[in-house]
């Protein structure tokens, strides 16, 4: 079943909003308090019954320490990109390992550096 649309936009925003709130272990009331709005108003954002104004979206991005793209992106698509990137890098490092004949300790250090990037 396709996602409902509000003003021509997908309902991914509300889904991501709820996911980010739960990841940060916050209640709807806590987020609403940070935004100085009523909890029912915030709930409407998560359930896609209402769209928040731009200034509220900006505040939400600050609260959840993310950018607008994250808030409006399909997380499944982002995960697919991350997996593709990981596999691409893994193949690259294996080819480097073969060509340079690196030992396992060196490979582990390279992988740790890559994780921190």
N, C-alpha and C. Protein backbone atom coordinates (compact mmCIF):
# COMPACT_ATOMS: atom_id res chain seq x y z
N UNK A 1 0.85 -1.18 0.00
CA UNK A 1 0.00 0.00 0.00
C UNK A 1 0.90 1.25 0.00
N UNK A 2 0.67 2.20 -0.89
CA UNK A 2 1.50 3.41 -0.94
C UNK A 2 1.28 4.30 0.27
N UNK A 3 2.31 5.07 0.58
CA UNK A 3 2.22 6.00 1.70
C UNK A 3 1.22 7.10 1.37
N UNK A 4 0.48 7.55 2.40
CA UNK A 4 -0.44 8.68 2.21
C UNK A 4 0.36 9.93 1.89
N UNK A 5 -0.28 10.85 1.23
CA UNK A 5 0.38 12.11 0.88
C UNK A 5 -0.30 13.26 1.60
N UNK A 6 0.50 14.20 2.04
CA UNK A 6 -0.01 15.46 2.59
C UNK A 6 0.63 16.55 1.75
N UNK A 7 -0.15 17.42 1.21
CA UNK A 7 0.35 18.51 0.37
C UNK A 7 1.31 18.00 -0.70
N UNK A 8 1.01 16.82 -1.24
CA UNK A 8 1.84 16.27 -2.29
C UNK A 8 3.13 15.64 -1.80
N UNK A 9 3.34 15.54 -0.49
CA UNK A 9 4.56 14.97 0.05
C UNK A 9 4.25 13.64 0.71
N UNK A 10 5.25 12.77 0.76
CA UNK A 10 5.10 11.47 1.39
C UNK A 10 5.01 11.62 2.91
N UNK A 11 4.52 10.59 3.56
CA UNK A 11 4.37 10.61 5.01
C UNK A 11 5.64 10.13 5.72
N UNK A 12 6.73 10.09 5.01
CA UNK A 12 8.00 9.64 5.59
C UNK A 12 8.42 10.54 6.75
N UNK A 13 8.12 11.82 6.67
CA UNK A 13 8.52 12.76 7.72
C UNK A 13 8.03 12.31 9.09
N UNK A 14 6.75 11.99 9.21
CA UNK A 14 6.19 11.58 10.49
C UNK A 14 6.82 10.30 11.01
N UNK A 15 7.06 9.36 10.11
CA UNK A 15 7.70 8.10 10.47
C UNK A 15 9.11 8.35 11.00
N UNK A 16 9.87 9.20 10.30
CA UNK A 16 11.23 9.52 10.74
C UNK A 16 11.22 10.29 12.05
N UNK A 17 10.26 11.17 12.22
CA UNK A 17 10.14 11.95 13.44
C UNK A 17 9.95 11.02 14.64
N UNK A 18 9.05 10.07 14.49
CA UNK A 18 8.80 9.11 15.56
C UNK A 18 10.04 8.26 15.85
N UNK A 19 10.70 7.81 14.78
CA UNK A 19 11.90 6.99 14.93
C UNK A 19 12.99 7.76 15.67
N UNK A 20 13.21 9.02 15.28
CA UNK A 20 14.25 9.82 15.93
C UNK A 20 13.91 10.09 17.40
N UNK A 21 12.64 10.33 17.66
CA UNK A 21 12.23 10.57 19.05
C UNK A 21 12.51 9.34 19.90
N UNK A 22 12.16 8.17 19.38
CA UNK A 22 12.38 6.93 20.13
C UNK A 22 13.86 6.62 20.29
N UNK A 23 14.64 6.88 19.25
CA UNK A 23 16.09 6.67 19.34
C UNK A 23 16.71 7.53 20.44
N UNK A 24 16.14 8.71 20.63
CA UNK A 24 16.63 9.62 21.67
C UNK A 24 15.95 9.40 23.03
N UNK A 25 15.11 8.36 23.08
CA UNK A 25 14.41 7.99 24.32
C UNK A 25 13.64 9.15 24.93
N UNK A 26 12.90 9.83 24.06
CA UNK A 26 12.07 10.95 24.50
C UNK A 26 10.60 10.61 24.31
N UNK A 27 9.77 11.16 25.17
CA UNK A 27 8.33 10.99 25.00
C UNK A 27 7.82 12.10 24.08
N UNK A 28 6.61 11.92 23.58
CA UNK A 28 6.01 12.97 22.78
C UNK A 28 5.88 14.25 23.60
N UNK A 29 5.54 14.10 24.87
CA UNK A 29 5.38 15.26 25.75
C UNK A 29 6.69 16.02 25.92
N UNK A 30 7.79 15.30 26.07
CA UNK A 30 9.09 15.94 26.23
C UNK A 30 9.47 16.75 24.99
N UNK A 31 9.25 16.17 23.81
CA UNK A 31 9.57 16.90 22.57
C UNK A 31 8.65 18.10 22.43
N UNK A 32 7.37 17.91 22.72
CA UNK A 32 6.42 19.02 22.64
C UNK A 32 6.82 20.15 23.58
N UNK A 33 7.27 19.80 24.78
CA UNK A 33 7.72 20.82 25.73
C UNK A 33 8.93 21.59 25.20
N UNK A 34 9.86 20.88 24.55
CA UNK A 34 11.04 21.54 23.98
C UNK A 34 10.65 22.51 22.87
N UNK A 35 9.55 22.19 22.19
CA UNK A 35 9.08 23.03 21.08
C UNK A 35 8.09 24.11 21.55
N UNK A 36 7.71 24.04 22.82
CA UNK A 36 6.71 24.95 23.38
C UNK A 36 5.37 24.84 22.64
N UNK A 37 4.98 23.58 22.38
CA UNK A 37 3.69 23.33 21.74
C UNK A 37 2.94 22.28 22.55
N UNK A 38 1.67 22.11 22.24
CA UNK A 38 0.84 21.11 22.89
C UNK A 38 1.23 19.71 22.40
N UNK A 39 1.14 18.70 23.26
CA UNK A 39 1.48 17.34 22.87
C UNK A 39 0.61 16.85 21.71
N UNK A 40 -0.65 17.19 21.71
CA UNK A 40 -1.52 16.74 20.63
C UNK A 40 -1.09 17.33 19.28
N UNK A 41 -0.58 18.53 19.30
CA UNK A 41 -0.07 19.14 18.06
C UNK A 41 1.14 18.35 17.57
N UNK A 42 2.04 18.01 18.50
CA UNK A 42 3.21 17.23 18.12
C UNK A 42 2.79 15.85 17.58
N UNK A 43 1.83 15.23 18.23
CA UNK A 43 1.34 13.92 17.80
C UNK A 43 0.84 13.97 16.36
N UNK A 44 0.20 15.06 16.00
CA UNK A 44 -0.29 15.22 14.63
C UNK A 44 0.86 15.26 13.63
N UNK A 45 2.01 15.77 14.04
CA UNK A 45 3.18 15.77 13.15
C UNK A 45 3.66 14.33 12.92
N UNK A 46 3.74 13.56 14.00
CA UNK A 46 4.20 12.17 13.89
C UNK A 46 3.24 11.30 13.10
N UNK A 47 1.95 11.59 13.20
CA UNK A 47 0.95 10.78 12.51
C UNK A 47 0.58 11.35 11.14
N UNK A 48 1.26 12.39 10.74
CA UNK A 48 1.07 13.02 9.43
C UNK A 48 -0.32 13.60 9.24
N UNK A 49 -0.95 13.99 10.34
CA UNK A 49 -2.25 14.64 10.25
C UNK A 49 -2.09 16.14 10.09
N UNK A 50 -0.89 16.62 10.36
CA UNK A 50 -0.59 18.03 10.22
C UNK A 50 0.90 18.18 9.90
N UNK A 51 1.23 19.22 9.15
CA UNK A 51 2.63 19.49 8.84
C UNK A 51 3.13 20.65 9.70
N UNK A 52 4.29 20.48 10.31
CA UNK A 52 4.82 21.57 11.14
C UNK A 52 5.31 22.72 10.26
N UNK A 53 5.26 23.93 10.80
CA UNK A 53 5.84 25.06 10.06
C UNK A 53 7.36 24.91 9.99
N UNK A 54 7.97 25.63 9.10
CA UNK A 54 9.41 25.53 8.86
C UNK A 54 10.23 25.79 10.12
N UNK A 55 9.82 26.77 10.95
CA UNK A 55 10.59 27.05 12.15
C UNK A 55 10.57 25.86 13.12
N UNK A 56 9.47 25.12 13.16
CA UNK A 56 9.39 23.94 14.02
C UNK A 56 10.26 22.82 13.45
N UNK A 57 10.27 22.66 12.14
CA UNK A 57 11.14 21.66 11.52
C UNK A 57 12.60 21.96 11.85
N UNK A 58 12.95 23.22 11.78
CA UNK A 58 14.32 23.64 12.13
C UNK A 58 14.63 23.27 13.58
N UNK A 59 13.71 23.55 14.50
CA UNK A 59 13.92 23.21 15.91
C UNK A 59 14.03 21.70 16.11
N UNK A 60 13.21 20.93 15.39
CA UNK A 60 13.28 19.48 15.49
C UNK A 60 14.64 18.95 15.02
N UNK A 61 15.15 19.53 13.95
CA UNK A 61 16.47 19.13 13.46
C UNK A 61 17.53 19.40 14.51
N UNK A 62 17.41 20.51 15.22
CA UNK A 62 18.36 20.82 16.28
C UNK A 62 18.20 19.86 17.46
N UNK A 63 16.96 19.57 17.84
CA UNK A 63 16.70 18.66 18.96
C UNK A 63 17.29 17.28 18.68
N UNK A 64 17.08 16.78 17.45
CA UNK A 64 17.53 15.44 17.11
C UNK A 64 18.92 15.43 16.47
N UNK A 65 19.55 16.59 16.41
CA UNK A 65 20.91 16.72 15.89
C UNK A 65 21.05 16.06 14.51
N UNK A 66 20.19 16.49 13.59
CA UNK A 66 20.22 15.95 12.24
C UNK A 66 19.94 17.08 11.25
N UNK A 67 20.08 16.78 9.98
CA UNK A 67 19.78 17.78 8.96
C UNK A 67 18.40 17.52 8.35
N UNK A 68 17.95 18.44 7.54
CA UNK A 68 16.63 18.31 6.92
C UNK A 68 16.54 17.06 6.06
N UNK A 69 17.62 16.72 5.35
CA UNK A 69 17.61 15.55 4.49
C UNK A 69 17.27 14.28 5.27
N UNK A 70 17.83 14.16 6.45
CA UNK A 70 17.56 12.98 7.28
C UNK A 70 16.10 12.93 7.67
N UNK A 71 15.52 14.08 7.96
CA UNK A 71 14.13 14.12 8.40
C UNK A 71 13.16 13.75 7.29
N UNK A 72 13.53 14.04 6.05
CA UNK A 72 12.63 13.81 4.93
C UNK A 72 13.05 12.66 4.03
N UNK A 73 14.08 11.90 4.43
CA UNK A 73 14.58 10.81 3.60
C UNK A 73 13.93 9.49 3.96
N UNK A 74 13.80 8.67 2.96
CA UNK A 74 13.34 7.31 3.16
C UNK A 74 14.49 6.53 3.79
N UNK A 75 14.36 6.11 5.03
CA UNK A 75 15.45 5.45 5.74
C UNK A 75 15.86 4.14 5.09
N UNK A 76 14.93 3.43 4.47
CA UNK A 76 15.29 2.19 3.78
C UNK A 76 16.28 2.49 2.66
N UNK A 77 16.05 3.58 1.94
CA UNK A 77 16.94 3.96 0.86
C UNK A 77 18.31 4.34 1.41
N UNK A 78 18.34 5.07 2.53
CA UNK A 78 19.62 5.43 3.15
C UNK A 78 20.38 4.19 3.59
N UNK A 79 19.68 3.23 4.18
CA UNK A 79 20.32 1.98 4.61
C UNK A 79 20.90 1.24 3.42
N UNK A 80 20.17 1.20 2.31
CA UNK A 80 20.68 0.53 1.12
C UNK A 80 21.96 1.20 0.64
N UNK A 81 21.99 2.53 0.68
CA UNK A 81 23.20 3.25 0.26
C UNK A 81 24.36 2.94 1.18
N UNK A 82 24.11 2.89 2.51
CA UNK A 82 25.17 2.58 3.46
C UNK A 82 25.73 1.18 3.22
N UNK A 83 24.83 0.22 2.98
CA UNK A 83 25.26 -1.15 2.73
C UNK A 83 26.08 -1.22 1.45
N UNK A 84 25.62 -0.54 0.40
CA UNK A 84 26.37 -0.51 -0.85
C UNK A 84 27.75 0.11 -0.63
N UNK A 85 27.80 1.22 0.11
CA UNK A 85 29.07 1.89 0.39
C UNK A 85 30.00 0.95 1.16
N UNK A 86 29.45 0.26 2.17
CA UNK A 86 30.26 -0.67 2.96
C UNK A 86 30.85 -1.76 2.08
N UNK A 87 30.01 -2.37 1.22
CA UNK A 87 30.50 -3.44 0.37
C UNK A 87 31.53 -2.94 -0.63
N UNK A 88 31.31 -1.74 -1.15
CA UNK A 88 32.27 -1.16 -2.07
C UNK A 88 33.62 -0.97 -1.38
N UNK A 89 33.59 -0.41 -0.16
CA UNK A 89 34.83 -0.21 0.59
C UNK A 89 35.49 -1.53 0.95
N UNK A 90 34.69 -2.52 1.31
CA UNK A 90 35.22 -3.82 1.70
C UNK A 90 35.98 -4.43 0.53
N UNK A 91 35.39 -4.35 -0.68
CA UNK A 91 36.07 -4.87 -1.87
C UNK A 91 37.36 -4.11 -2.12
N UNK A 92 37.29 -2.78 -1.94
CA UNK A 92 38.48 -1.96 -2.14
C UNK A 92 39.59 -2.37 -1.17
N UNK A 93 39.27 -2.51 0.11
CA UNK A 93 40.29 -2.86 1.10
C UNK A 93 40.85 -4.26 0.87
N UNK A 94 40.01 -5.18 0.40
CA UNK A 94 40.51 -6.52 0.10
C UNK A 94 41.51 -6.46 -1.06
N UNK A 95 41.19 -5.64 -2.06
CA UNK A 95 42.12 -5.53 -3.19
C UNK A 95 43.41 -4.86 -2.75
N UNK A 96 43.33 -3.87 -1.86
CA UNK A 96 44.53 -3.22 -1.34
C UNK A 96 45.35 -4.22 -0.53
N UNK A 97 44.66 -4.99 0.30
CA UNK A 97 45.33 -5.99 1.12
C UNK A 97 46.10 -6.97 0.24
N UNK A 98 45.45 -7.44 -0.81
CA UNK A 98 46.10 -8.39 -1.71
C UNK A 98 47.32 -7.77 -2.38
N UNK A 99 47.13 -6.57 -2.91
CA UNK A 99 48.23 -5.96 -3.66
C UNK A 99 49.38 -5.53 -2.77
N UNK A 100 49.08 -5.16 -1.51
CA UNK A 100 50.15 -4.73 -0.60
C UNK A 100 50.59 -5.82 0.37
N UNK A 101 49.86 -6.94 0.35
CA UNK A 101 50.15 -8.06 1.24
C UNK A 101 50.16 -7.59 2.71
N UNK A 102 49.06 -6.94 3.11
CA UNK A 102 48.95 -6.41 4.48
C UNK A 102 48.61 -7.52 5.47
N UNK A 103 49.13 -7.38 6.69
CA UNK A 103 48.77 -8.35 7.73
C UNK A 103 47.44 -7.97 8.38
N UNK A 104 46.88 -8.86 9.17
CA UNK A 104 45.55 -8.65 9.77
C UNK A 104 45.51 -7.44 10.70
N UNK A 105 46.55 -7.18 11.47
CA UNK A 105 46.58 -6.02 12.38
C UNK A 105 46.47 -4.71 11.62
N UNK A 106 47.17 -4.61 10.52
CA UNK A 106 47.13 -3.40 9.70
C UNK A 106 45.73 -3.21 9.12
N UNK A 107 45.14 -4.30 8.67
CA UNK A 107 43.79 -4.23 8.12
C UNK A 107 42.81 -3.76 9.19
N UNK A 108 42.93 -4.28 10.41
CA UNK A 108 42.05 -3.86 11.51
C UNK A 108 42.19 -2.37 11.80
N UNK A 109 43.42 -1.87 11.77
CA UNK A 109 43.63 -0.43 12.00
C UNK A 109 42.99 0.40 10.90
N UNK A 110 43.10 -0.05 9.67
CA UNK A 110 42.48 0.66 8.54
C UNK A 110 40.96 0.66 8.70
N UNK A 111 40.39 -0.48 9.09
CA UNK A 111 38.95 -0.56 9.27
C UNK A 111 38.46 0.37 10.40
N UNK A 112 39.24 0.47 11.48
CA UNK A 112 38.87 1.37 12.58
C UNK A 112 38.90 2.82 12.11
N UNK A 113 39.89 3.17 11.34
CA UNK A 113 39.97 4.53 10.80
C UNK A 113 38.76 4.80 9.92
N UNK A 114 38.40 3.84 9.09
CA UNK A 114 37.26 3.98 8.18
C UNK A 114 35.96 4.15 8.96
N UNK A 115 35.80 3.45 10.08
CA UNK A 115 34.60 3.58 10.90
C UNK A 115 34.46 4.98 11.49
N UNK A 116 35.57 5.61 11.80
CA UNK A 116 35.55 6.94 12.41
C UNK A 116 35.34 8.06 11.42
N UNK A 117 35.40 7.74 10.14
CA UNK A 117 35.23 8.79 9.11
C UNK A 117 33.77 9.09 8.93
